[in-house]
Amino acid sequence: MDNVFVLLLLFVTLVDFGYCTERTLRSSLNPDCGSLCKDRNLTTVYLRADGPNDTLHYLWDFGGNPSILLALTSPSASINISWEDFIARKKNSIMFTEKPVYTFGIVINKIIEFNDVNDTALINIANVLNTDILHPMFYHWERKAISNGSEFVTLDMEGKYYNDAALNISRHGTVKLSLRGFCSLDHSEVLPHMLHTENSTQVDIILDNVQTNKNFSNSRFAIELLVVGEGNPDIPMFVDPKKSLDDEHTPGIFEVVEVRTPPYKSMDDFRTEGAYLQWRPVSYTTESRSVSSSTETIQYPPVKVDNHTIAIQNSMLYCYYGDKVNDLLTQRMIVSLGMKGDGFYKQTHYSTWTFLIGYGTPPNEKFSYLVIMIVSIGLGIPLIILFATGIYMCIRKSPNRSNTTYLSH
């Protein structure tokens, strides 16, 4: 019996972790920039993910506020960057050889520190005296690692030496950003082990020993994202927290939050699925990332932006969208880190948030083959024993009835 269980476990493990590649990944750092980028601290990663019928293009950029551009095109399309204009942050300095079917962009727009005086874990942006705004563009971003593999591409960045010269604000501490693109459906290696598809990028944010406002007794942090997409600008994005029965990959967390862009019709009257953000509402307060060091995140309703062009000017998205952004969905959304009673940021001086950016339908968590097998064995063995016992009792009693009948004759 033990040998059978071991063989089943090995088989299910191989099935569970084996997968076929859906997209072919190719990436490059500052593509075709040449000598212009040689002596500059520039990090713009281009990731091309080719599928059988289409291609997803990603740009990960750290000039200005960190931003991500996603574009869906035919396989024959390619990207062109006019580097002199791009470095000067001019519009139309990013173009595709064919009009994309769909585009979507994210800007990590603000890191907001707020003084949670009453320990509610809720942020009140209107309370100016209890909030401080840090703009990621004022960090000095250093490229720590970049890896190119057949299964994923990873970029690790660190922002240090915050200095807002206009307001004369300086802060020590580190903001770490890790971006990862994938070729297939699987769970990420990093807690909270998000389920990604071949159409998604994972963003992992870490606030490590970030200096807080000395006048704030109970500092917490929140992240503001700026979202641009080809949806109806008058319809807010849909926020859908979903409950799950399974916490196999993220212990103790039975919820996934999804934010979907509203549907739209393209020039060919083809209804696309749009883009999404997805995350588990958990933040870790230590580098080890365990259940004991976890706290919660709180999401707030998306808010429409008044002046779209000004909103994206300090990011790479302006280089692509330019003034066209005025006709597009442009909204901001805030996610705060921490929950009531967790000791605030000063407890460990460490907070994380991990989310996915993707195109199409967000993946749904399902019970893995391993869990199904364990449950099946747990329920099946008692049933087999009960069934076998019943048969044995029937067989055992059967000869007695035959002998009794024979003697009576």
Protein backbone atom coordinates (compact mmCIF):
# COMPACT_ATOMS: atom_id res chain seq x y z
CA MET A 1 0.00 0.00 0.00
CA ASP A 2 2.83 2.41 0.88
CA ASN A 3 4.55 1.73 -2.45
CA VAL A 4 1.34 2.42 -4.36
CA PHE A 5 0.89 5.73 -2.52
CA VAL A 6 4.47 6.77 -3.30
CA LEU A 7 4.03 5.97 -7.00
CA LEU A 8 0.74 7.89 -7.13
CA LEU A 9 2.35 10.84 -5.37
CA LEU A 10 5.25 10.89 -7.83
CA PHE A 11 2.93 10.65 -10.83
CA VAL A 12 0.62 13.42 -9.63
CA THR A 13 3.56 15.67 -8.77
CA LEU A 14 4.96 15.28 -12.28
CA VAL A 15 1.56 15.96 -13.82
CA ASP A 16 0.94 18.92 -11.54
CA PHE A 17 4.21 20.67 -12.25
CA GLY A 18 4.61 19.75 -15.88
CA TYR A 19 3.22 22.14 -18.43
CA CYS A 20 3.65 23.05 -22.03
CA THR A 21 4.96 26.41 -23.10
CA GLU A 22 2.27 28.70 -24.48
CA ARG A 23 4.44 31.65 -25.51
CA THR A 24 8.04 32.10 -26.59
CA LEU A 25 9.81 34.84 -24.63
CA ARG A 26 12.44 37.22 -25.97
CA SER A 27 13.72 40.22 -24.04
CA SER A 28 16.28 42.98 -24.36
CA LEU A 29 17.55 45.88 -22.26
CA ASN A 30 17.28 49.34 -23.86
CA PRO A 31 16.75 47.76 -27.30
CA ASP A 32 18.63 49.45 -30.18
CA CYS A 33 19.63 52.40 -28.01
CA GLY A 34 23.33 51.89 -28.68
CA SER A 35 25.85 54.51 -27.54
CA LEU A 36 23.11 56.93 -26.50
CA CYS A 37 22.31 54.73 -23.50
CA LYS A 38 25.86 53.62 -22.76
CA ASP A 39 26.71 56.23 -20.14
CA ARG A 40 23.18 56.81 -18.86
CA ASN A 41 21.38 55.18 -15.95
CA LEU A 42 18.53 53.90 -18.11
CA THR A 43 16.47 50.78 -17.58
CA THR A 44 13.83 50.01 -20.17
CA VAL A 45 13.23 46.30 -20.69
CA TYR A 46 11.36 45.12 -23.77
CA LEU A 47 9.72 41.71 -23.46
CA ARG A 48 8.16 40.07 -26.48
CA ALA A 49 5.91 37.05 -25.87
CA ASP A 50 5.01 35.31 -29.14
CA GLY A 51 2.02 32.99 -29.24
CA PRO A 52 0.60 30.93 -32.10
CA ASN A 53 -1.89 33.63 -33.14
CA ASP A 54 -0.73 36.90 -31.54
CA THR A 55 2.08 38.65 -29.73
CA LEU A 56 2.15 40.45 -26.39
CA HIS A 57 4.66 43.29 -26.10
CA TYR A 58 5.72 44.59 -22.69
CA LEU A 59 7.82 47.62 -21.82
CA TRP A 60 9.07 47.91 -18.25
CA ASP A 61 10.48 51.38 -17.67
CA PHE A 62 12.14 53.20 -14.76
CA GLY A 63 12.62 56.65 -16.25
CA GLY A 64 10.22 58.84 -14.28
CA ASN A 65 7.61 56.94 -12.28
CA PRO A 66 8.02 53.16 -12.88
CA SER A 67 5.55 52.03 -15.51
CA ILE A 68 4.49 49.06 -17.63
CA LEU A 69 2.99 49.13 -21.11
CA LEU A 70 1.23 46.07 -22.54
CA ALA A 71 0.25 45.84 -26.22
CA LEU A 72 -1.48 42.99 -28.07
CA THR A 73 -0.64 42.79 -31.77
CA SER A 74 -0.41 40.35 -34.64
CA PRO A 75 2.79 38.23 -34.72
CA SER A 76 4.20 40.35 -37.57
CA ALA A 77 4.18 43.63 -35.60
CA SER A 78 7.31 45.11 -34.00
CA ILE A 79 8.08 48.07 -31.75
CA ASN A 80 10.08 51.19 -32.60
CA ILE A 81 11.57 53.53 -29.98
CA SER A 82 12.97 56.93 -30.99
CA TRP A 83 15.50 57.05 -28.21
CA GLU A 84 16.40 60.75 -28.22
CA ASP A 85 12.74 61.70 -28.01
CA PHE A 86 12.07 58.87 -25.55
CA ILE A 87 14.77 60.06 -23.16
CA ALA A 88 13.31 63.57 -23.43
CA ARG A 89 9.90 62.06 -22.62
CA LYS A 90 8.25 63.27 -25.83
CA LYS A 91 4.98 61.86 -27.06
CA ASN A 92 4.90 59.43 -30.00
CA SER A 93 8.46 58.30 -29.27
CA ILE A 94 7.12 54.74 -28.90
CA MET A 95 5.32 53.29 -31.92
CA PHE A 96 4.35 49.92 -33.36
CA THR A 97 4.61 48.94 -37.03
CA GLU A 98 0.94 47.89 -36.85
CA LYS A 99 -1.89 49.34 -34.83
CA PRO A 100 -2.24 47.19 -31.68
CA VAL A 101 -5.46 45.31 -31.06
CA TYR A 102 -5.36 46.41 -27.44
CA THR A 103 -3.07 48.36 -25.12
CA PHE A 104 -2.97 48.79 -21.36
CA GLY A 105 -0.64 50.65 -19.02
CA ILE A 106 0.16 50.85 -15.32
CA VAL A 107 2.13 53.53 -13.46
CA ILE A 108 3.32 53.10 -9.88
CA ASN A 109 2.27 56.65 -9.27
CA LYS A 110 2.67 57.36 -5.57
CA ILE A 111 3.83 55.83 -2.31
CA ILE A 112 1.59 57.33 0.33
CA GLU A 113 2.55 57.45 4.01
CA PHE A 114 -0.36 58.07 6.37
CA ASN A 115 -0.58 58.48 10.12
CA ASP A 116 -3.08 55.90 11.37
CA VAL A 117 -3.82 57.67 14.65
CA ASN A 118 -6.83 55.52 15.60
CA ASP A 119 -5.42 52.20 14.30
CA THR A 120 -8.15 51.64 11.74
CA ALA A 121 -5.74 50.75 8.88
CA LEU A 122 -7.88 52.99 6.63
CA ILE A 123 -6.37 55.86 4.69
CA ASN A 124 -8.03 59.25 4.38
CA ILE A 125 -6.45 61.09 1.45
CA ALA A 126 -8.41 64.24 2.24
CA ASN A 127 -6.60 64.57 5.57
CA VAL A 128 -3.51 66.39 4.29
CA LEU A 129 -1.98 66.79 7.75
CA ASN A 130 -1.84 63.02 8.21
CA THR A 131 -0.54 62.05 4.76
CA ASP A 132 2.79 62.38 2.96
CA ILE A 133 3.27 61.69 -0.75
CA LEU A 134 6.45 60.09 -2.07
CA HIS A 135 6.82 60.11 -5.87
CA PRO A 136 8.81 57.07 -7.11
CA MET A 137 10.46 59.20 -9.83
CA PHE A 138 12.50 60.94 -7.11
CA TYR A 139 14.22 57.70 -6.08
CA HIS A 140 17.57 56.82 -7.60
CA TRP A 141 16.78 53.51 -9.33
CA GLU A 142 19.51 50.91 -9.66
CA ARG A 143 19.27 47.75 -11.73
CA LYS A 144 20.22 44.87 -9.42
CA ALA A 145 19.54 41.88 -11.66
CA ILE A 146 18.02 40.92 -14.97
CA SER A 147 17.57 37.33 -16.10
CA ASN A 148 16.41 35.93 -19.42
CA GLY A 149 15.11 32.39 -19.46
CA SER A 150 12.87 30.24 -21.61
CA GLU A 151 10.20 30.09 -18.88
CA PHE A 152 10.32 33.63 -17.43
CA VAL A 153 12.11 36.96 -17.57
CA THR A 154 12.91 38.83 -14.35
CA LEU A 155 13.99 42.40 -13.60
CA ASP A 156 14.99 43.43 -10.06
CA MET A 157 15.29 47.14 -9.27
CA GLU A 158 16.06 49.11 -6.11
CA GLY A 159 15.15 52.71 -5.45
CA LYS A 160 17.30 54.56 -2.90
CA TYR A 161 18.22 58.10 -1.83
CA TYR A 162 14.81 59.69 -2.20
CA ASN A 163 15.18 63.40 -2.94
CA ASP A 164 12.40 65.76 -3.96
CA ALA A 165 14.41 68.92 -4.62
CA ALA A 166 11.35 71.10 -5.26
CA LEU A 167 9.89 70.38 -1.83
CA ASN A 168 13.28 69.78 -0.18
CA ILE A 169 12.26 66.32 1.04
CA SER A 170 14.80 63.52 1.48
CA ARG A 171 14.29 60.00 2.83
CA HIS A 172 16.55 57.04 3.39
CA GLY A 173 15.46 53.45 2.96
CA THR A 174 14.84 51.23 -0.06
CA VAL A 175 11.92 50.52 -2.37
CA LYS A 176 12.43 47.25 -4.23
CA LEU A 177 10.55 46.34 -7.38
CA SER A 178 10.70 42.94 -9.04
CA LEU A 179 8.95 42.35 -12.36
CA ARG A 180 8.50 38.95 -13.92
CA GLY A 181 7.02 37.89 -17.26
CA PHE A 182 5.91 34.31 -17.95
CA CYS A 183 5.35 31.90 -20.82
CA SER A 184 2.73 29.59 -19.34
CA LEU A 185 0.17 28.85 -16.62
CA ASP A 186 1.73 28.15 -13.23
CA HIS A 187 2.16 29.47 -9.70
CA SER A 188 4.90 31.95 -8.90
CA GLU A 189 7.78 30.80 -6.71
CA VAL A 190 7.42 33.86 -4.46
CA LEU A 191 4.76 34.06 -1.77
CA PRO A 192 1.83 34.66 -2.10
CA HIS A 193 2.42 32.26 -5.05
CA MET A 194 0.07 34.01 -7.46
CA LEU A 195 -1.37 31.92 -10.28
CA HIS A 196 -0.13 33.56 -13.47
CA THR A 197 -0.82 32.88 -17.13
CA GLU A 198 1.28 33.36 -20.24
CA ASN A 199 -0.55 36.70 -20.66
CA SER A 200 0.53 38.31 -17.40
CA THR A 201 3.34 40.12 -15.61
CA GLN A 202 3.90 39.94 -11.86
CA VAL A 203 4.94 43.01 -9.88
CA ASP A 204 6.40 42.60 -6.39
CA ILE A 205 6.87 45.75 -4.28
CA ILE A 206 8.90 45.85 -1.06
CA LEU A 207 9.21 48.83 1.28
CA ASP A 208 12.38 48.05 3.22
CA ASN A 209 13.33 50.28 6.14
CA VAL A 210 11.80 53.35 4.49
CA GLN A 211 12.23 56.40 6.68
CA THR A 212 8.91 57.65 8.06
CA ASN A 213 7.71 61.14 8.92
CA LYS A 214 9.03 61.93 12.42
CA ASN A 215 5.75 63.68 13.22
CA PHE A 216 3.72 60.53 12.50
CA SER A 217 3.35 58.22 15.49
CA ASN A 218 1.64 55.34 13.65
CA SER A 219 2.84 55.33 10.06
CA ARG A 220 1.45 53.00 7.44
CA PHE A 221 1.97 52.97 3.68
CA ALA A 222 -0.26 52.71 0.63
CA ILE A 223 0.47 52.35 -3.09
CA GLU A 224 -1.35 54.39 -5.72
CA LEU A 225 -1.54 52.95 -9.22
CA LEU A 226 -2.47 54.91 -12.30
CA VAL A 227 -4.24 52.76 -14.88
CA VAL A 228 -4.65 53.57 -18.58
CA GLY A 229 -6.61 51.31 -20.90
CA GLU A 230 -8.65 51.28 -24.07
CA GLY A 231 -11.97 51.18 -22.28
CA ASN A 232 -14.82 53.60 -21.83
CA PRO A 233 -13.39 56.51 -19.77
CA ASP A 234 -16.79 57.09 -18.16
CA ILE A 235 -17.14 53.57 -16.76
CA PRO A 236 -15.16 52.72 -13.60
CA MET A 237 -13.14 49.54 -13.43
CA PHE A 238 -14.83 46.55 -11.77
CA VAL A 239 -13.44 45.44 -8.39
CA ASP A 240 -14.39 41.84 -7.60
CA PRO A 241 -13.09 40.15 -4.42
CA LYS A 242 -13.51 36.39 -4.86
CA LYS A 243 -13.61 33.79 -2.11
CA SER A 244 -11.72 30.54 -2.49
CA LEU A 245 -12.01 27.17 -0.74
CA ASP A 246 -8.33 26.43 -1.15
CA ASP A 247 -5.34 28.07 0.56
CA GLU A 248 -2.84 25.44 -0.58
CA HIS A 249 -0.48 27.95 -2.18
CA THR A 250 -1.08 30.93 0.15
CA PRO A 251 -1.75 29.56 3.64
CA GLY A 252 -4.48 31.38 5.54
CA ILE A 253 -5.65 33.50 2.59
CA PHE A 254 -8.96 32.45 1.01
CA GLU A 255 -9.55 35.48 -1.22
CA VAL A 256 -8.39 36.86 -4.55
CA VAL A 257 -9.08 40.47 -5.60
CA GLU A 258 -9.65 41.17 -9.28
CA VAL A 259 -9.90 44.55 -10.97
CA ARG A 260 -11.20 44.42 -14.56
CA THR A 261 -11.28 47.10 -17.21
CA PRO A 262 -14.70 47.69 -18.79
CA PRO A 263 -15.25 46.06 -22.21
CA TYR A 264 -14.91 48.09 -25.39
CA LYS A 265 -15.36 47.66 -29.13
CA SER A 266 -12.37 47.99 -31.42
CA MET A 267 -12.33 49.35 -34.96
CA ASP A 268 -13.35 45.92 -36.28
CA ASP A 269 -16.31 45.72 -33.91
CA PHE A 270 -14.60 42.88 -32.07
CA ARG A 271 -15.30 42.73 -28.37
CA THR A 272 -12.08 42.16 -26.48
CA GLU A 273 -11.68 40.79 -23.01
CA GLY A 274 -9.64 43.74 -21.80
CA ALA A 275 -7.06 43.78 -19.03
CA TYR A 276 -7.03 42.98 -15.33
CA LEU A 277 -5.16 43.38 -12.08
CA GLN A 278 -5.20 40.52 -9.61
CA TRP A 279 -3.74 39.97 -6.13
CA ARG A 280 -4.27 38.22 -2.84
CA PRO A 281 -5.03 40.70 -0.03
CA VAL A 282 -1.92 39.92 1.98
CA SER A 283 1.26 41.82 2.83
CA TYR A 284 4.30 40.31 4.52
CA THR A 285 6.17 42.16 7.24
CA THR A 286 9.42 40.18 7.14
CA GLU A 287 11.69 38.93 4.41
CA SER A 288 10.88 35.31 5.26
CA ARG A 289 7.21 35.72 4.18
CA SER A 290 5.31 33.30 6.39
CA VAL A 291 1.85 33.07 7.92
CA SER A 292 3.19 34.48 11.18
CA SER A 293 4.55 37.57 9.41
CA SER A 294 1.49 38.31 7.29
CA THR A 295 -0.95 41.17 7.50
CA GLU A 296 -3.73 42.39 5.21
CA THR A 297 -4.15 44.85 2.36
CA ILE A 298 -7.18 47.04 1.76
CA GLN A 299 -8.26 48.18 -1.70
CA TYR A 300 -10.23 51.35 -2.37
CA PRO A 301 -12.62 52.05 -5.27
CA PRO A 302 -11.02 53.27 -8.51
CA VAL A 303 -11.35 57.01 -9.12
CA LYS A 304 -11.48 58.71 -12.52
CA VAL A 305 -8.67 61.17 -13.31
CA ASP A 306 -9.61 64.67 -14.47
CA ASN A 307 -6.64 65.66 -16.65
CA HIS A 308 -5.40 62.47 -18.30
CA THR A 309 -2.41 63.98 -20.10
CA ILE A 310 -0.93 65.66 -17.02
CA ALA A 311 -1.49 62.48 -15.00
CA ILE A 312 0.81 60.37 -17.22
CA GLN A 313 3.43 62.99 -18.15
CA ASN A 314 5.99 61.74 -15.62
CA SER A 315 5.91 58.21 -16.99
CA MET A 316 6.76 56.17 -20.07
CA LEU A 317 3.04 55.96 -20.92
CA TYR A 318 3.10 59.53 -22.17
CA CYS A 319 5.73 58.53 -24.74
CA TYR A 320 3.22 56.12 -26.27
CA TYR A 321 -0.22 57.58 -25.64
CA GLY A 322 0.53 61.31 -25.68
CA ASP A 323 -2.65 63.38 -26.05
CA LYS A 324 -4.62 60.29 -27.16
CA VAL A 325 -4.92 59.38 -23.49
CA ASN A 326 -7.67 62.00 -23.10
CA ASP A 327 -10.07 59.64 -24.89
CA LEU A 328 -9.05 56.56 -22.89
CA LEU A 329 -9.92 55.07 -19.54
CA THR A 330 -7.59 56.73 -17.00
CA GLN A 331 -8.16 55.94 -13.34
CA ARG A 332 -6.20 55.75 -10.14
CA MET A 333 -6.53 53.14 -7.44
CA ILE A 334 -5.08 52.88 -3.94
CA VAL A 335 -4.14 49.78 -1.96
CA SER A 336 -3.05 50.25 1.66
CA LEU A 337 -0.79 47.82 3.52
CA GLY A 338 -1.59 46.64 7.04
CA MET A 339 -4.50 45.86 9.29
CA LYS A 340 -5.76 46.92 12.68
CA GLY A 341 -3.60 45.67 15.56
CA ASP A 342 -0.54 44.61 13.53
CA GLY A 343 1.82 47.14 15.13
CA PHE A 344 2.06 49.57 12.18
CA TYR A 345 5.04 49.90 9.86
CA LYS A 346 7.39 50.65 12.77
CA GLN A 347 6.91 47.08 14.04
CA THR A 348 9.27 45.58 11.41
CA HIS A 349 9.98 48.42 8.93
CA TYR A 350 9.09 46.02 6.10
CA SER A 351 6.00 45.71 3.88
CA THR A 352 5.24 43.94 0.62
CA TRP A 353 2.56 43.88 -2.04
CA THR A 354 2.40 41.50 -5.00
CA PHE A 355 0.00 41.79 -7.94
CA LEU A 356 -0.48 40.62 -11.50
CA ILE A 357 -1.13 42.65 -14.64
CA GLY A 358 -2.67 40.62 -17.43
CA TYR A 359 -4.68 40.53 -20.61
CA GLY A 360 -7.78 38.41 -21.14
CA THR A 361 -9.55 36.31 -18.53
CA PRO A 362 -7.95 36.15 -15.06
CA PRO A 363 -7.03 32.59 -14.03
CA ASN A 364 -9.12 30.86 -11.38
CA GLU A 365 -7.55 28.86 -8.59
CA LYS A 366 -8.39 25.16 -8.67
CA PHE A 367 -7.56 22.24 -6.41
CA SER A 368 -4.26 20.75 -7.55
CA TYR A 369 -3.97 17.11 -8.57
CA LEU A 370 -2.04 16.47 -5.36
CA VAL A 371 -4.86 17.82 -3.19
CA ILE A 372 -7.45 15.89 -5.20
CA MET A 373 -5.42 12.72 -4.80
CA ILE A 374 -4.99 13.17 -1.03
CA VAL A 375 -8.71 13.89 -0.59
CA SER A 376 -9.58 10.92 -2.80
CA ILE A 377 -7.33 8.62 -0.79
CA GLY A 378 -8.68 10.00 2.48
CA LEU A 379 -12.26 9.34 1.42
CA GLY A 380 -11.62 6.34 -0.81
CA ILE A 381 -9.71 4.06 1.56
CA PRO A 382 -12.47 4.01 4.25
CA LEU A 383 -15.06 3.31 1.53
CA ILE A 384 -12.94 0.50 0.09
CA ILE A 385 -12.48 -0.99 3.57
CA LEU A 386 -16.21 -0.72 4.27
CA PHE A 387 -17.08 -2.29 0.91
CA ALA A 388 -14.54 -5.10 1.35
CA THR A 389 -15.81 -5.78 4.88
CA GLY A 390 -19.39 -6.04 3.59
CA ILE A 391 -18.38 -8.53 0.88
CA TYR A 392 -16.38 -10.56 3.38
CA MET A 393 -19.30 -10.77 5.79
CA CYS A 394 -21.64 -11.84 2.99
CA ILE A 395 -19.22 -14.57 1.86
CA ARG A 396 -18.67 -15.73 5.42
CA LYS A 397 -22.37 -16.11 6.11
CA SER A 398 -23.20 -17.74 2.78
CA PRO A 399 -21.85 -21.33 3.53
CA ASN A 400 -23.71 -21.44 6.85
CA ARG A 401 -27.00 -20.80 5.08
CA SER A 402 -26.23 -23.56 2.52
CA ASN A 403 -25.40 -26.14 5.23
CA THR A 404 -28.53 -25.32 7.16
CA THR A 405 -30.67 -25.77 4.08
CA TYR A 406 -29.01 -29.12 3.24
CA LEU A 407 -29.55 -30.54 6.77
CA SER A 408 -33.19 -29.53 6.77
CA HIS A 409 -33.76 -31.69 3.70
